[in-house]
């Protein structure tokens, strides 16, 4: 048997092995890029919404939301195990803090 015959036979053995390694490497890269923990690395679990207040009931959340809506700030609420979060958009957070901290207009004494 000559040398070219041995090289040709060896090529039939090596090429499938190299293809198997290439497919395995691609599978590992895809597995690494699609891991669930990679998607959970955001520091905010609610995306672009940030909590502005946590209140004990949905009625209290609606009062806070109506105060913010009166100033043109968009809100939503989400129930949590410890209460109800009132959420605003990240770019409106600074302005919303001012209106959440101010006292209710109807709570003062008339005089």
C-alpha atoms as a PDB file:
ATOM      1  CA  UNK A   1       0.000   0.000   0.000  1.00  0.00           C
ATOM      2  CA  UNK A   2       1.411   3.362  -0.954  1.00  0.00           C
ATOM      3  CA  UNK A   3       1.476   6.550   1.131  1.00  0.00           C
ATOM      4  CA  UNK A   4      -1.346   8.275  -0.780  1.00  0.00           C
ATOM      5  CA  UNK A   5      -3.698   5.427   0.034  1.00  0.00           C
ATOM      6  CA  UNK A   6      -2.919   5.699   3.744  1.00  0.00           C
ATOM      7  CA  UNK A   7      -3.457   9.476   3.715  1.00  0.00           C
ATOM      8  CA  UNK A   8      -6.766   9.026   1.887  1.00  0.00           C
ATOM      9  CA  UNK A   9      -7.939   6.455   4.429  1.00  0.00           C
ATOM     10  CA  UNK A  10      -6.804   8.644   7.276  1.00  0.00           C
ATOM     11  CA  UNK A  11      -8.773  11.575   5.844  1.00  0.00           C
ATOM     12  CA  UNK A  12     -11.977   9.510   6.032  1.00  0.00           C
ATOM     13  CA  UNK A  13     -11.345   8.962   9.728  1.00  0.00           C
ATOM     14  CA  UNK A  14     -10.246  12.503  10.655  1.00  0.00           C
ATOM     15  CA  UNK A  15     -12.858  14.578   8.805  1.00  0.00           C
ATOM     16  CA  UNK A  16     -15.920  13.192  10.666  1.00  0.00           C
ATOM     17  CA  UNK A  17     -14.040  13.624  13.938  1.00  0.00           C
ATOM     18  CA  UNK A  18     -13.288  17.290  13.127  1.00  0.00           C
ATOM     19  CA  UNK A  19     -16.907  17.864  12.080  1.00  0.00           C
ATOM     20  CA  UNK A  20     -18.092  16.358  15.372  1.00  0.00           C
ATOM     21  CA  UNK A  21     -15.762  18.667  17.330  1.00  0.00           C
ATOM     22  CA  UNK A  22     -16.969  21.721  15.370  1.00  0.00           C
ATOM     23  CA  UNK A  23     -20.647  20.895  15.997  1.00  0.00           C
ATOM     24  CA  UNK A  24     -19.901  20.280  19.680  1.00  0.00           C
ATOM     25  CA  UNK A  25     -18.126  23.639  19.986  1.00  0.00           C
ATOM     26  CA  UNK A  26     -21.071  25.428  18.359  1.00  0.00           C
ATOM     27  CA  UNK A  27     -23.473  23.655  20.715  1.00  0.00           C
ATOM     28  CA  UNK A  28     -21.443  24.799  23.730  1.00  0.00           C
ATOM     29  CA  UNK A  29     -21.370  28.405  22.517  1.00  0.00           C
ATOM     30  CA  UNK A  30     -25.119  28.405  21.916  1.00  0.00           C
ATOM     31  CA  UNK A  31     -25.774  26.796  25.287  1.00  0.00           C
ATOM     32  CA  UNK A  32     -23.623  29.423  27.030  1.00  0.00           C
ATOM     33  CA  UNK A  33     -25.282  32.328  25.215  1.00  0.00           C
ATOM     34  CA  UNK A  34     -28.826  31.135  25.966  1.00  0.00           C
ATOM     35  CA  UNK A  35     -28.526  30.377  29.692  1.00  0.00           C
ATOM     36  CA  UNK A  36     -31.403  31.731  31.797  1.00  0.00           C
ATOM     37  CA  UNK A  37     -29.112  33.440  34.300  1.00  0.00           C
ATOM     38  CA  UNK A  38     -27.715  35.564  31.497  1.00  0.00           C
ATOM     39  CA  UNK A  39     -31.190  37.036  30.994  1.00  0.00           C
ATOM     40  CA  UNK A  40     -31.637  37.647  34.729  1.00  0.00           C
ATOM     41  CA  UNK A  41     -28.570  39.836  35.155  1.00  0.00           C
ATOM     42  CA  UNK A  42     -30.557  43.047  35.002  1.00  0.00           C
ATOM     43  CA  UNK A  43     -30.568  44.941  38.252  1.00  0.00           C
ATOM     44  CA  UNK A  44     -34.228  45.843  37.818  1.00  0.00           C
ATOM     45  CA  UNK A  45     -36.676  42.968  37.744  1.00  0.00           C
ATOM     46  CA  UNK A  46     -39.420  45.192  36.305  1.00  0.00           C
ATOM     47  CA  UNK A  47     -37.475  46.512  33.312  1.00  0.00           C
ATOM     48  CA  UNK A  48     -37.783  50.261  32.793  1.00  0.00           C
ATOM     49  CA  UNK A  49     -40.308  50.703  35.596  1.00  0.00           C
ATOM     50  CA  UNK A  50     -39.006  51.622  39.041  1.00  0.00           C
ATOM     51  CA  UNK A  51     -40.923  51.487  42.332  1.00  0.00           C
ATOM     52  CA  UNK A  52     -41.721  54.923  43.739  1.00  0.00           C
ATOM     53  CA  UNK A  53     -43.792  53.836  46.747  1.00  0.00           C
ATOM     54  CA  UNK A  54     -44.853  50.693  48.577  1.00  0.00           C
ATOM     55  CA  UNK A  55     -48.256  50.974  50.207  1.00  0.00           C
ATOM     56  CA  UNK A  56     -50.301  48.448  52.182  1.00  0.00           C
ATOM     57  CA  UNK A  57     -53.380  48.265  49.927  1.00  0.00           C
ATOM     58  CA  UNK A  58     -54.577  48.711  46.378  1.00  0.00           C
ATOM     59  CA  UNK A  59     -56.755  51.660  47.483  1.00  0.00           C
ATOM     60  CA  UNK A  60     -53.683  53.468  48.825  1.00  0.00           C
ATOM     61  CA  UNK A  61     -51.833  52.703  45.587  1.00  0.00           C
ATOM     62  CA  UNK A  62     -54.707  54.234  43.615  1.00  0.00           C
ATOM     63  CA  UNK A  63     -54.520  57.406  45.749  1.00  0.00           C
ATOM     64  CA  UNK A  64     -50.781  57.743  45.071  1.00  0.00           C
ATOM     65  CA  UNK A  65     -51.318  57.000  41.379  1.00  0.00           C
ATOM     66  CA  UNK A  66     -54.101  59.597  41.079  1.00  0.00           C
ATOM     67  CA  UNK A  67     -51.858  62.228  42.672  1.00  0.00           C
ATOM     68  CA  UNK A  68     -49.109  61.424  40.174  1.00  0.00           C
ATOM     69  CA  UNK A  69     -51.559  61.299  37.239  1.00  0.00           C
ATOM     70  CA  UNK A  70     -52.680  64.808  38.235  1.00  0.00           C
ATOM     71  CA  UNK A  71     -49.122  65.973  37.581  1.00  0.00           C
ATOM     72  CA  UNK A  72     -48.903  64.124  34.253  1.00  0.00           C
ATOM     73  CA  UNK A  73     -46.817  61.165  35.449  1.00  0.00           C
ATOM     74  CA  UNK A  74     -47.722  57.708  34.148  1.00  0.00           C
ATOM     75  CA  UNK A  75     -47.999  54.997  36.789  1.00  0.00           C
ATOM     76  CA  UNK A  76     -48.960  51.407  37.306  1.00  0.00           C
ATOM     77  CA  UNK A  77     -49.120  49.161  40.352  1.00  0.00           C
ATOM     78  CA  UNK A  78     -48.003  45.627  41.156  1.00  0.00           C
ATOM     79  CA  UNK A  79     -48.850  43.462  44.133  1.00  0.00           C
ATOM     80  CA  UNK A  80     -45.946  42.131  46.202  1.00  0.00           C
ATOM     81  CA  UNK A  81     -45.921  39.870  49.265  1.00  0.00           C
ATOM     82  CA  UNK A  82     -45.425  42.916  51.516  1.00  0.00           C
ATOM     83  CA  UNK A  83     -47.880  45.327  49.897  1.00  0.00           C
ATOM     84  CA  UNK A  84     -48.507  47.077  46.593  1.00  0.00           C
ATOM     85  CA  UNK A  85     -45.749  48.827  44.634  1.00  0.00           C
ATOM     86  CA  UNK A  86     -46.543  51.964  42.675  1.00  0.00           C
ATOM     87  CA  UNK A  87     -44.280  52.013  39.612  1.00  0.00           C
ATOM     88  CA  UNK A  88     -43.230  54.886  37.340  1.00  0.00           C
ATOM     89  CA  UNK A  89     -41.004  55.139  34.283  1.00  0.00           C
ATOM     90  CA  UNK A  90     -37.323  55.582  35.057  1.00  0.00           C
ATOM     91  CA  UNK A  91     -37.083  59.013  33.410  1.00  0.00           C
ATOM     92  CA  UNK A  92     -39.998  60.319  35.501  1.00  0.00           C
ATOM     93  CA  UNK A  93     -38.683  59.004  38.831  1.00  0.00           C
ATOM     94  CA  UNK A  94     -37.070  62.244  40.040  1.00  0.00           C
ATOM     95  CA  UNK A  95     -40.175  64.321  39.398  1.00  0.00           C
ATOM     96  CA  UNK A  96     -42.474  61.665  40.846  1.00  0.00           C
ATOM     97  CA  UNK A  97     -40.512  61.618  44.119  1.00  0.00           C
ATOM     98  CA  UNK A  98     -41.387  65.268  44.649  1.00  0.00           C
ATOM     99  CA  UNK A  99     -45.109  64.638  44.282  1.00  0.00           C
ATOM    100  CA  UNK A 100     -45.173  61.448  46.363  1.00  0.00           C
ATOM    101  CA  UNK A 101     -43.565  63.242  49.317  1.00  0.00           C
ATOM    102  CA  UNK A 102     -45.863  66.265  49.306  1.00  0.00           C
ATOM    103  CA  UNK A 103     -48.854  66.017  51.691  1.00  0.00           C
ATOM    104  CA  UNK A 104     -52.378  65.482  50.414  1.00  0.00           C
ATOM    105  CA  UNK A 105     -54.145  68.738  49.617  1.00  0.00           C
ATOM    106  CA  UNK A 106     -57.301  67.655  51.394  1.00  0.00           C
ATOM    107  CA  UNK A 107     -55.587  66.564  54.627  1.00  0.00           C
ATOM    108  CA  UNK A 108     -54.831  70.047  55.972  1.00  0.00           C
ATOM    109  CA  UNK A 109     -57.225  71.987  58.201  1.00  0.00           C
ATOM    110  CA  UNK A 110     -59.383  74.616  56.526  1.00  0.00           C
ATOM    111  CA  UNK A 111     -58.867  78.055  57.914  1.00  0.00           C
END
